N, C-alpha and C. Protein backbone atom coordinates (compact mmCIF):
# COMPACT_ATOMS: atom_id res chain seq x y z
N MET A 1 -19.36 -62.02 -272.94
CA MET A 1 -18.71 -61.67 -273.86
C MET A 1 -16.97 -61.79 -273.52
N GLU A 2 -16.63 -61.89 -275.08
CA GLU A 2 -15.03 -62.29 -274.77
C GLU A 2 -14.23 -61.23 -274.57
N GLU A 3 -13.28 -61.65 -273.97
CA GLU A 3 -12.16 -60.50 -273.41
C GLU A 3 -11.74 -59.61 -274.64
N LYS A 4 -11.68 -58.52 -274.56
CA LYS A 4 -11.40 -57.45 -275.40
C LYS A 4 -9.72 -57.46 -275.34
N VAL A 5 -8.86 -57.11 -276.29
CA VAL A 5 -7.48 -56.56 -276.30
C VAL A 5 -6.84 -55.55 -277.05
N LEU A 6 -6.65 -54.47 -276.12
CA LEU A 6 -6.48 -53.12 -276.83
C LEU A 6 -5.36 -53.00 -277.60
N MET A 7 -4.99 -52.98 -279.08
CA MET A 7 -4.34 -52.87 -279.85
C MET A 7 -4.02 -51.59 -280.34
N LYS A 8 -2.77 -51.16 -280.80
CA LYS A 8 -1.89 -50.01 -281.32
C LYS A 8 -1.69 -50.20 -282.67
N VAL A 9 -1.14 -49.23 -283.38
CA VAL A 9 -1.13 -49.40 -285.02
C VAL A 9 0.51 -49.29 -284.75
N LEU A 10 1.37 -50.14 -285.17
CA LEU A 10 2.65 -49.78 -285.46
C LEU A 10 3.40 -49.23 -286.54
N ASP A 11 3.28 -49.90 -287.95
CA ASP A 11 3.41 -49.10 -289.09
C ASP A 11 2.45 -49.90 -290.05
N VAL A 12 3.04 -49.29 -291.42
CA VAL A 12 2.41 -50.08 -292.59
C VAL A 12 3.71 -50.18 -293.58
N THR A 13 3.70 -51.32 -293.96
CA THR A 13 5.05 -51.36 -294.79
C THR A 13 4.50 -52.09 -295.90
N GLN A 14 5.30 -52.42 -297.06
CA GLN A 14 5.17 -53.04 -298.57
C GLN A 14 5.69 -54.16 -298.25
N GLY A 15 5.18 -55.26 -298.80
CA GLY A 15 5.63 -56.39 -299.25
C GLY A 15 7.05 -56.33 -299.98
N ALA A 16 7.70 -57.59 -300.00
CA ALA A 16 9.27 -57.58 -300.44
C ALA A 16 9.21 -57.20 -301.75
N SER A 17 8.25 -57.43 -302.85
CA SER A 17 8.45 -56.94 -304.05
C SER A 17 7.58 -55.92 -304.39
N GLY A 18 7.86 -54.90 -305.54
CA GLY A 18 7.11 -53.61 -305.72
C GLY A 18 5.38 -54.02 -306.00
N LYS A 19 5.49 -55.23 -306.24
CA LYS A 19 3.77 -55.33 -306.89
C LYS A 19 2.98 -55.91 -305.37
N SER A 20 3.86 -56.55 -304.47
CA SER A 20 3.32 -56.84 -303.06
C SER A 20 2.26 -56.15 -302.34
N PRO A 21 1.23 -56.65 -301.78
CA PRO A 21 0.43 -55.72 -300.95
C PRO A 21 1.07 -54.98 -299.77
N PHE A 22 0.24 -54.22 -299.22
CA PHE A 22 0.77 -53.23 -298.28
C PHE A 22 0.47 -54.08 -296.71
N PHE A 23 1.24 -54.03 -295.73
CA PHE A 23 0.88 -54.93 -294.59
C PHE A 23 0.77 -53.80 -293.26
N LEU A 24 -0.53 -53.72 -292.62
CA LEU A 24 -0.73 -53.28 -291.40
C LEU A 24 -0.24 -53.76 -290.24
N MET A 25 0.33 -53.38 -289.69
CA MET A 25 1.24 -54.11 -288.27
C MET A 25 0.74 -53.53 -287.09
N LEU A 26 -0.29 -54.46 -286.31
CA LEU A 26 -1.00 -54.04 -285.04
C LEU A 26 -0.22 -54.54 -284.04
N SER A 27 -0.10 -54.15 -282.95
CA SER A 27 0.31 -54.88 -281.71
C SER A 27 -0.56 -54.69 -280.21
N GLU A 28 -0.80 -55.73 -279.68
CA GLU A 28 -1.44 -55.66 -278.56
C GLU A 28 -0.33 -54.25 -277.47
N ALA A 29 -1.39 -53.62 -277.02
CA ALA A 29 -1.12 -52.41 -276.24
C ALA A 29 -0.08 -52.64 -274.90
N THR A 30 -0.52 -53.94 -274.38
CA THR A 30 0.35 -54.32 -273.36
C THR A 30 1.24 -55.70 -273.70
N GLY A 31 1.39 -56.04 -274.68
CA GLY A 31 1.98 -57.05 -274.87
C GLY A 31 2.85 -57.22 -276.03
N LEU A 32 3.19 -58.59 -276.47
CA LEU A 32 4.07 -58.64 -277.58
C LEU A 32 3.47 -59.09 -278.83
N ARG A 33 2.36 -59.68 -278.70
CA ARG A 33 1.82 -60.30 -280.01
C ARG A 33 1.25 -59.22 -280.89
N LYS A 34 1.49 -59.66 -282.14
CA LYS A 34 0.99 -58.64 -283.37
C LYS A 34 0.18 -59.50 -284.36
N LEU A 35 -0.28 -58.38 -285.17
CA LEU A 35 -1.18 -58.97 -286.17
C LEU A 35 -0.75 -58.26 -287.31
N SER A 36 -0.77 -59.08 -288.39
CA SER A 36 -0.44 -58.30 -289.74
C SER A 36 -1.62 -58.47 -290.62
N VAL A 37 -2.03 -57.21 -291.07
CA VAL A 37 -3.49 -57.29 -291.94
C VAL A 37 -3.07 -56.82 -293.36
N MET A 38 -3.19 -57.36 -294.26
CA MET A 38 -3.14 -56.52 -295.69
C MET A 38 -4.15 -55.58 -295.86
N VAL A 39 -3.73 -54.96 -296.72
CA VAL A 39 -4.14 -53.48 -296.69
C VAL A 39 -3.68 -53.18 -298.36
N GLY A 40 -4.82 -52.25 -299.28
CA GLY A 40 -4.63 -51.79 -300.50
C GLY A 40 -3.80 -50.48 -300.47
N PRO A 41 -3.34 -50.10 -301.67
CA PRO A 41 -2.59 -48.96 -301.63
C PRO A 41 -2.72 -47.66 -300.96
N PHE A 42 -4.48 -47.33 -301.31
CA PHE A 42 -4.80 -46.24 -301.08
C PHE A 42 -5.13 -46.46 -299.85
N GLU A 43 -5.30 -47.53 -298.78
CA GLU A 43 -5.79 -47.58 -297.78
C GLU A 43 -4.45 -47.56 -296.67
N ALA A 44 -3.52 -48.10 -297.27
CA ALA A 44 -1.91 -47.63 -296.68
C ALA A 44 -1.86 -46.44 -296.90
N GLN A 45 -2.08 -45.46 -297.78
CA GLN A 45 -1.85 -44.10 -297.71
C GLN A 45 -2.63 -43.27 -296.78
N SER A 46 -4.14 -43.69 -296.21
CA SER A 46 -4.93 -43.07 -295.55
C SER A 46 -4.43 -43.20 -294.12
N ILE A 47 -4.13 -44.42 -293.70
CA ILE A 47 -3.24 -44.52 -292.44
C ILE A 47 -1.86 -43.75 -292.25
N LEU A 48 -1.33 -44.11 -293.27
CA LEU A 48 0.28 -43.50 -293.07
C LEU A 48 0.14 -42.12 -293.11
N VAL A 49 -0.55 -41.22 -293.51
CA VAL A 49 -0.79 -39.71 -293.99
C VAL A 49 -1.35 -39.36 -292.00
N VAL A 50 -1.97 -39.97 -291.34
CA VAL A 50 -2.50 -39.97 -289.98
C VAL A 50 -1.11 -40.18 -289.08
N MET A 51 -0.53 -41.24 -289.36
CA MET A 51 0.89 -41.61 -288.39
C MET A 51 1.76 -40.61 -288.78
N ARG A 52 2.17 -40.15 -289.63
CA ARG A 52 3.21 -39.62 -290.00
C ARG A 52 2.78 -37.81 -289.89
N GLY A 53 1.45 -37.60 -289.98
CA GLY A 53 1.48 -35.83 -289.79
C GLY A 53 1.50 -35.46 -290.93
N VAL A 54 1.13 -36.20 -291.86
CA VAL A 54 1.34 -35.64 -293.44
C VAL A 54 0.06 -34.59 -293.84
N LYS A 55 0.19 -33.25 -294.07
CA LYS A 55 -1.09 -32.56 -294.94
C LYS A 55 -1.27 -32.59 -296.17
N VAL A 56 -1.97 -33.21 -296.43
CA VAL A 56 -2.77 -33.27 -297.92
C VAL A 56 -3.37 -32.34 -298.21
N PRO A 57 -3.25 -31.82 -299.93
CA PRO A 57 -3.73 -30.81 -300.20
C PRO A 57 -5.23 -30.90 -300.02
N ARG A 58 -5.95 -31.95 -300.52
CA ARG A 58 -7.25 -32.30 -300.17
C ARG A 58 -7.63 -33.47 -299.63
N PRO A 59 -8.70 -33.58 -298.81
CA PRO A 59 -9.07 -34.46 -297.80
C PRO A 59 -9.31 -35.57 -298.52
N LEU A 60 -8.70 -36.62 -297.91
CA LEU A 60 -8.75 -38.32 -298.38
C LEU A 60 -10.26 -38.53 -297.59
N LEU A 61 -10.60 -39.85 -298.10
CA LEU A 61 -12.16 -40.15 -297.91
C LEU A 61 -12.38 -40.36 -296.51
N SER A 62 -11.30 -40.98 -295.88
CA SER A 62 -11.53 -41.04 -294.39
C SER A 62 -11.73 -39.66 -293.85
N ASP A 63 -10.89 -38.67 -294.20
CA ASP A 63 -11.20 -37.19 -293.98
C ASP A 63 -12.65 -36.55 -294.00
N VAL A 64 -13.28 -37.22 -295.17
CA VAL A 64 -14.59 -36.73 -295.36
C VAL A 64 -15.37 -37.49 -294.37
N TYR A 65 -15.28 -38.63 -294.31
CA TYR A 65 -16.30 -39.65 -293.46
C TYR A 65 -16.03 -38.86 -292.19
N LEU A 66 -14.80 -38.46 -291.55
CA LEU A 66 -14.70 -37.82 -290.21
C LEU A 66 -15.48 -36.52 -290.41
N GLN A 67 -14.92 -35.70 -291.22
CA GLN A 67 -15.76 -34.42 -291.06
C GLN A 67 -17.54 -34.61 -291.34
N SER A 68 -17.84 -35.54 -291.79
CA SER A 68 -19.31 -35.91 -291.92
C SER A 68 -19.96 -36.40 -290.76
N LEU A 69 -19.13 -37.46 -290.17
CA LEU A 69 -19.82 -38.02 -289.00
C LEU A 69 -19.91 -37.03 -287.84
N GLN A 70 -18.49 -35.83 -287.94
CA GLN A 70 -18.65 -35.06 -286.69
C GLN A 70 -19.68 -34.22 -286.97
N SER A 71 -20.42 -33.71 -287.90
CA SER A 71 -21.02 -32.35 -288.47
C SER A 71 -22.42 -33.23 -287.75
N PHE A 72 -22.54 -34.31 -287.94
CA PHE A 72 -24.13 -34.90 -287.40
C PHE A 72 -23.68 -35.18 -285.95
N GLY A 73 -22.83 -34.96 -284.95
CA GLY A 73 -22.59 -35.14 -283.69
C GLY A 73 -22.49 -36.80 -283.53
N VAL A 74 -21.72 -37.49 -284.55
CA VAL A 74 -21.70 -38.82 -284.09
C VAL A 74 -19.82 -38.86 -283.85
N VAL A 75 -19.89 -39.74 -282.74
CA VAL A 75 -18.64 -40.30 -282.16
C VAL A 75 -17.96 -41.68 -282.36
N LEU A 76 -16.71 -41.83 -282.97
CA LEU A 76 -16.45 -43.26 -283.13
C LEU A 76 -16.06 -43.43 -281.55
N ARG A 77 -16.64 -44.34 -280.87
CA ARG A 77 -16.21 -45.14 -279.87
C ARG A 77 -15.20 -46.04 -279.65
N GLU A 78 -15.37 -46.84 -280.65
CA GLU A 78 -14.30 -47.84 -280.72
C GLU A 78 -14.36 -48.70 -281.95
N VAL A 79 -12.90 -49.25 -282.49
CA VAL A 79 -13.32 -50.21 -283.43
C VAL A 79 -12.90 -51.65 -282.93
N TYR A 80 -13.72 -52.51 -283.30
CA TYR A 80 -13.57 -53.93 -282.81
C TYR A 80 -13.05 -54.76 -283.91
N ILE A 81 -11.97 -55.63 -284.14
CA ILE A 81 -11.40 -56.87 -285.11
C ILE A 81 -12.08 -57.83 -284.64
N TYR A 82 -12.79 -58.28 -285.44
CA TYR A 82 -13.69 -59.68 -284.73
C TYR A 82 -13.67 -60.86 -285.39
N LYS A 83 -13.18 -60.84 -286.61
CA LYS A 83 -12.86 -62.05 -287.11
C LYS A 83 -12.03 -61.75 -288.32
N VAL A 84 -11.39 -63.16 -288.75
CA VAL A 84 -10.49 -62.90 -289.93
C VAL A 84 -10.96 -64.59 -290.92
N LEU A 85 -11.21 -64.17 -292.31
CA LEU A 85 -11.63 -65.20 -292.73
C LEU A 85 -11.27 -65.38 -294.14
N ASP A 86 -10.42 -66.36 -294.60
CA ASP A 86 -9.61 -66.40 -295.96
C ASP A 86 -8.66 -65.20 -296.43
N GLY A 87 -8.08 -64.69 -295.44
CA GLY A 87 -6.94 -63.57 -295.47
C GLY A 87 -7.90 -61.97 -295.15
N VAL A 88 -9.25 -62.04 -294.78
CA VAL A 88 -9.70 -60.96 -294.64
C VAL A 88 -10.23 -60.80 -293.67
N TYR A 89 -9.56 -59.51 -292.89
CA TYR A 89 -9.92 -59.15 -291.20
C TYR A 89 -11.61 -58.22 -291.35
N TYR A 90 -12.28 -58.69 -290.42
CA TYR A 90 -13.54 -57.87 -290.17
C TYR A 90 -13.71 -57.09 -289.05
N SER A 91 -14.30 -55.88 -289.24
CA SER A 91 -14.28 -55.05 -288.18
C SER A 91 -15.68 -54.28 -287.99
N LEU A 92 -16.13 -53.99 -286.86
CA LEU A 92 -17.24 -53.18 -286.47
C LEU A 92 -16.66 -51.85 -285.87
N LEU A 93 -17.28 -50.90 -286.28
CA LEU A 93 -17.40 -49.18 -285.79
C LEU A 93 -18.33 -49.61 -284.61
N GLU A 94 -18.08 -48.85 -283.59
CA GLU A 94 -18.89 -48.72 -282.34
C GLU A 94 -19.27 -47.16 -282.56
N LEU A 95 -20.42 -46.61 -283.08
CA LEU A 95 -20.89 -45.41 -283.36
C LEU A 95 -21.65 -44.86 -281.99
N GLU A 96 -21.49 -43.44 -281.69
CA GLU A 96 -22.48 -42.92 -280.55
C GLU A 96 -22.79 -41.50 -281.32
N GLN A 97 -24.47 -41.42 -280.90
CA GLN A 97 -24.86 -40.21 -281.36
C GLN A 97 -26.21 -39.74 -280.31
N ASP A 98 -25.88 -39.03 -279.81
CA ASP A 98 -27.08 -38.59 -278.87
C ASP A 98 -27.32 -39.79 -277.82
N GLY A 99 -26.34 -40.35 -277.36
CA GLY A 99 -26.57 -41.52 -276.52
C GLY A 99 -26.99 -42.86 -277.02
N ASN A 100 -27.26 -42.91 -278.36
CA ASN A 100 -27.63 -44.02 -278.86
C ASN A 100 -26.44 -44.77 -279.73
N ILE A 101 -26.34 -45.81 -279.31
CA ILE A 101 -25.11 -46.71 -279.81
C ILE A 101 -25.60 -47.71 -281.32
N GLN A 102 -24.73 -47.29 -282.16
CA GLN A 102 -24.83 -48.36 -283.50
C GLN A 102 -23.56 -48.97 -283.80
N HIS A 103 -23.55 -50.10 -284.25
CA HIS A 103 -22.38 -50.75 -284.74
C HIS A 103 -22.41 -51.18 -286.13
N VAL A 104 -21.46 -50.91 -286.79
CA VAL A 104 -21.36 -50.96 -288.32
C VAL A 104 -20.17 -51.66 -288.76
N ASP A 105 -20.44 -52.52 -289.85
CA ASP A 105 -19.70 -53.49 -290.35
C ASP A 105 -18.59 -52.72 -291.32
N VAL A 106 -17.36 -53.01 -291.38
CA VAL A 106 -16.64 -51.96 -292.18
C VAL A 106 -15.03 -52.80 -292.33
N ARG A 107 -14.58 -52.29 -293.27
CA ARG A 107 -12.92 -53.02 -293.64
C ARG A 107 -12.38 -52.70 -292.42
N THR A 108 -11.42 -53.34 -292.13
CA THR A 108 -10.33 -53.27 -291.18
C THR A 108 -9.33 -51.97 -291.44
N SER A 109 -9.36 -52.06 -292.86
CA SER A 109 -8.32 -50.74 -293.09
C SER A 109 -8.97 -49.48 -293.10
N ASP A 110 -10.31 -49.62 -293.31
CA ASP A 110 -11.11 -48.49 -293.28
C ASP A 110 -11.33 -48.06 -291.92
N ALA A 111 -11.43 -48.90 -290.88
CA ALA A 111 -11.70 -48.90 -289.68
C ALA A 111 -10.39 -48.20 -289.06
N ILE A 112 -9.38 -48.54 -289.44
CA ILE A 112 -8.24 -48.30 -288.42
C ILE A 112 -7.93 -46.86 -289.09
N ALA A 113 -7.96 -46.43 -290.10
CA ALA A 113 -8.06 -45.18 -290.70
C ALA A 113 -8.83 -44.19 -289.90
N LEU A 114 -10.00 -44.37 -289.91
CA LEU A 114 -11.04 -43.63 -288.88
C LEU A 114 -10.64 -43.76 -287.36
N ALA A 115 -10.19 -44.66 -286.76
CA ALA A 115 -9.88 -44.51 -285.82
C ALA A 115 -8.65 -43.86 -285.22
N LEU A 116 -7.85 -43.56 -286.09
CA LEU A 116 -6.74 -42.78 -286.13
C LEU A 116 -6.92 -41.55 -285.94
N ARG A 117 -7.80 -41.16 -286.93
CA ARG A 117 -8.74 -39.62 -287.03
C ARG A 117 -9.28 -39.24 -285.82
N PHE A 118 -9.88 -40.59 -285.66
CA PHE A 118 -11.03 -39.87 -284.51
C PHE A 118 -10.23 -40.24 -282.78
N GLY A 119 -9.01 -40.73 -282.94
CA GLY A 119 -8.41 -41.08 -281.58
C GLY A 119 -9.22 -41.87 -280.91
N ALA A 120 -9.82 -42.89 -281.55
CA ALA A 120 -10.31 -43.89 -281.02
C ALA A 120 -9.68 -45.39 -280.84
N PRO A 121 -10.32 -46.03 -279.58
CA PRO A 121 -9.21 -47.34 -279.02
C PRO A 121 -9.60 -48.64 -280.46
N ILE A 122 -8.99 -49.09 -280.71
CA ILE A 122 -8.91 -50.35 -281.58
C ILE A 122 -8.91 -51.47 -280.46
N TYR A 123 -9.38 -52.59 -281.02
CA TYR A 123 -9.64 -53.64 -279.60
C TYR A 123 -9.79 -54.85 -281.06
N THR A 124 -9.42 -56.29 -280.52
CA THR A 124 -9.84 -57.42 -280.86
C THR A 124 -10.11 -58.62 -280.23
N SER A 125 -10.23 -59.71 -280.25
CA SER A 125 -10.69 -60.49 -279.08
C SER A 125 -9.47 -61.48 -278.82
N GLU A 126 -9.45 -61.79 -277.46
CA GLU A 126 -8.50 -62.89 -277.06
C GLU A 126 -8.35 -63.74 -278.11
N SER A 127 -9.27 -64.45 -278.32
CA SER A 127 -9.16 -65.69 -279.21
C SER A 127 -8.62 -65.72 -280.65
N LEU A 128 -9.11 -64.26 -281.29
CA LEU A 128 -8.64 -63.85 -282.62
C LEU A 128 -7.19 -63.62 -282.47
N LEU A 129 -6.53 -62.72 -281.61
CA LEU A 129 -5.30 -62.49 -281.45
C LEU A 129 -4.48 -63.71 -281.19
N ALA A 130 -4.78 -64.74 -280.14
CA ALA A 130 -4.20 -65.83 -280.10
C ALA A 130 -3.84 -66.85 -280.99
N ARG A 131 -5.39 -67.15 -282.33
CA ARG A 131 -4.73 -67.88 -283.48
C ARG A 131 -4.25 -66.64 -284.49
N GLU A 132 -4.37 -65.62 -284.81
CA GLU A 132 -3.76 -65.23 -285.69
C GLU A 132 -2.77 -64.38 -285.60
N HIS A 133 -2.18 -64.26 -284.42
CA HIS A 133 -0.93 -63.31 -284.30
C HIS A 133 0.64 -63.55 -285.20
N ILE A 134 0.98 -63.10 -285.60
CA ILE A 134 2.36 -63.43 -286.08
C ILE A 134 3.61 -63.90 -285.09
N PHE A 135 4.25 -64.76 -286.01
CA PHE A 135 5.56 -65.34 -285.10
C PHE A 135 7.04 -64.65 -285.60
N GLU A 136 7.59 -64.15 -284.90
CA GLU A 136 9.04 -63.78 -285.04
C GLU A 136 10.00 -64.87 -284.61
N ASP A 137 10.81 -65.18 -285.44
CA ASP A 137 12.14 -65.78 -285.11
C ASP A 137 13.25 -65.82 -284.48
N GLY A 138 13.38 -64.08 -284.08
CA GLY A 138 14.55 -63.38 -283.34
C GLY A 138 15.60 -63.05 -284.39
N HIS A 139 15.42 -63.29 -285.94
CA HIS A 139 16.30 -63.23 -287.00
C HIS A 139 15.79 -62.22 -288.23
N GLY A 140 14.69 -61.76 -287.73
CA GLY A 140 14.40 -60.64 -288.60
C GLY A 140 13.45 -61.55 -289.63
N SER A 141 12.94 -63.03 -289.47
CA SER A 141 11.97 -63.56 -290.18
C SER A 141 10.80 -63.65 -289.46
N ILE A 142 9.88 -63.68 -290.30
CA ILE A 142 8.21 -63.53 -289.53
C ILE A 142 7.56 -64.80 -290.27
N SER A 143 6.53 -65.56 -289.59
CA SER A 143 5.24 -66.49 -290.36
C SER A 143 4.35 -65.83 -289.90
N ILE A 144 3.26 -65.86 -290.73
CA ILE A 144 2.26 -65.49 -290.45
C ILE A 144 0.84 -66.75 -290.60
N PRO A 145 -0.04 -66.59 -290.37
CA PRO A 145 -1.19 -67.37 -290.23
C PRO A 145 -1.85 -67.82 -291.70
N VAL A 146 -1.80 -68.80 -292.13
CA VAL A 146 -2.34 -68.95 -293.55
C VAL A 146 -3.43 -68.46 -293.50
N SER A 147 -4.75 -68.28 -292.44
CA SER A 147 -6.06 -67.62 -292.74
C SER A 147 -5.80 -66.27 -292.71
N SER A 148 -4.67 -65.65 -292.46
CA SER A 148 -4.51 -64.21 -292.68
C SER A 148 -3.81 -63.56 -293.77
N VAL A 149 -3.90 -64.55 -295.09
CA VAL A 149 -3.65 -63.94 -296.19
C VAL A 149 -4.77 -64.17 -297.29
N ASP A 150 -4.56 -63.47 -298.34
CA ASP A 150 -5.59 -64.07 -299.21
C ASP A 150 -4.75 -64.76 -300.25
N ILE A 151 -6.05 -65.58 -301.32
CA ILE A 151 -5.59 -66.39 -302.18
C ILE A 151 -4.56 -66.08 -303.21
N GLU A 152 -4.12 -64.92 -303.61
CA GLU A 152 -3.12 -64.49 -304.52
C GLU A 152 -2.04 -65.07 -303.50
N VAL A 153 -1.85 -64.40 -302.37
CA VAL A 153 -0.79 -64.62 -301.66
C VAL A 153 -0.32 -66.06 -301.61
N LEU A 154 -1.30 -66.86 -301.44
CA LEU A 154 -0.90 -68.68 -301.37
C LEU A 154 -0.63 -69.04 -302.43
N ARG A 155 -1.37 -68.32 -303.53
CA ARG A 155 -0.66 -68.87 -305.10
C ARG A 155 0.84 -68.67 -305.30
N GLU A 156 1.30 -67.64 -305.10
CA GLU A 156 2.59 -66.89 -304.91
C GLU A 156 3.45 -68.01 -303.95
N ALA A 157 2.87 -68.08 -303.03
CA ALA A 157 3.52 -69.19 -301.91
C ALA A 157 3.94 -70.29 -302.65
N LEU A 158 3.15 -70.79 -303.40
CA LEU A 158 2.41 -72.32 -303.93
C LEU A 158 3.64 -72.49 -304.88
N SER A 159 3.91 -71.31 -305.82
CA SER A 159 4.84 -71.52 -306.71
C SER A 159 6.12 -71.36 -306.39
N ARG A 160 6.51 -70.53 -305.23
CA ARG A 160 7.90 -70.38 -304.53
C ARG A 160 8.24 -72.01 -303.91
N ALA A 161 7.08 -72.52 -303.25
CA ALA A 161 7.24 -73.95 -302.57
C ALA A 161 7.67 -74.81 -303.70
N ILE A 162 7.17 -75.13 -305.02
CA ILE A 162 7.43 -75.76 -305.90
C ILE A 162 8.97 -75.70 -306.47
N GLN A 163 9.15 -74.53 -306.77
CA GLN A 163 10.57 -73.50 -307.18
C GLN A 163 11.26 -74.11 -306.49
N GLU A 164 11.25 -74.39 -305.00
CA GLU A 164 12.21 -74.82 -303.76
C GLU A 164 12.18 -76.11 -303.58
N GLU A 165 11.57 -76.84 -304.43
CA GLU A 165 11.13 -78.18 -304.00
C GLU A 165 10.81 -78.52 -302.63
N ASN A 166 10.20 -77.70 -302.04
CA ASN A 166 9.42 -78.12 -300.40
C ASN A 166 8.04 -78.49 -301.11
N TYR A 167 7.89 -80.00 -301.23
CA TYR A 167 6.47 -80.46 -301.92
C TYR A 167 5.64 -80.83 -300.52
N GLU A 168 6.11 -81.04 -299.37
CA GLU A 168 5.20 -80.72 -298.01
C GLU A 168 4.33 -79.56 -298.05
N LEU A 169 5.34 -78.28 -298.18
CA LEU A 169 4.75 -76.97 -298.03
C LEU A 169 3.71 -76.77 -299.23
N ALA A 170 4.02 -76.92 -300.19
CA ALA A 170 3.35 -76.89 -301.43
C ALA A 170 1.97 -77.75 -301.55
N ALA A 171 2.12 -78.87 -300.65
CA ALA A 171 0.70 -79.73 -300.68
C ALA A 171 -0.13 -79.17 -299.35
N GLN A 172 0.46 -78.63 -298.85
CA GLN A 172 -0.36 -77.84 -297.64
C GLN A 172 -0.98 -76.58 -298.46
N LEU A 173 -0.29 -76.20 -299.04
CA LEU A 173 -0.86 -74.40 -299.60
C LEU A 173 -1.66 -75.06 -300.80
N ARG A 174 -1.62 -75.85 -301.51
CA ARG A 174 -2.60 -76.72 -302.69
C ARG A 174 -3.94 -76.99 -301.98
N ASP A 175 -3.69 -77.45 -300.89
CA ASP A 175 -4.84 -78.08 -300.19
C ASP A 175 -5.71 -76.88 -299.74
N GLU A 176 -5.26 -75.73 -299.14
CA GLU A 176 -6.12 -74.92 -298.63
C GLU A 176 -6.44 -73.97 -299.78
N ILE A 177 -5.58 -73.87 -300.92
CA ILE A 177 -6.27 -72.95 -302.18
C ILE A 177 -7.31 -73.92 -302.48
N SER A 178 -7.50 -75.12 -302.50
CA SER A 178 -8.57 -75.70 -303.08
C SER A 178 -9.91 -75.89 -302.01
N ARG A 179 -9.45 -75.72 -301.00
CA ARG A 179 -10.39 -75.42 -299.88
C ARG A 179 -11.27 -74.26 -299.89
N ARG A 180 -10.41 -72.95 -300.54
CA ARG A 180 -11.22 -71.71 -300.33
C ARG A 180 -11.83 -72.01 -301.82
N GLU A 181 -11.46 -72.11 -302.78
CA GLU A 181 -12.08 -72.24 -304.13
C GLU A 181 -13.38 -73.11 -304.15
N ARG A 182 -13.21 -74.14 -303.30
CA ARG A 182 -14.64 -74.81 -303.28
C ARG A 182 -15.69 -73.54 -302.50
N ARG A 183 -15.25 -73.10 -301.45
CA ARG A 183 -16.08 -72.42 -300.81
C ARG A 183 -17.04 -71.35 -301.85
N VAL A 184 -16.28 -70.96 -302.80
CA VAL A 184 -16.75 -69.79 -303.51
C VAL A 184 -17.80 -70.23 -304.12
């Protein structure tokens, strides 16, 4: 089995424009590499509520899952982020009940929200982290692998590249968009 890397949740931020998606920032617990995972506004809220200790008047869906699982004696042992495909990260919940282990495929944003509520560790593989980690240039700019973003973000980047007359980048983005559209 491939080496697992322990991750920690750093923050959830919104992209530059008000209509941009939210980004969940994860960091390896004992190193510098980071992953940036796109999440929706409701998932971002569910994660931020736990991170900031906010009390909500009614339970969020992740709170309901936590209460339900606990009422049946189920423990979340860990979250494992195992792949990324076309900007979508895939995760497994490792659940234990009465000594029996089950693995459940789940959206990464939901898995993180549950891990924070259970206090469960979050892992990824060394190869995924090596391939998908973000690059920081030391001046506040970051770049992320193309595989980490969805097709809409690629289309926005293509439009910007054309406006900026960066035709080499535009061609690469066009090719990636075409590749993804052929697979669908």
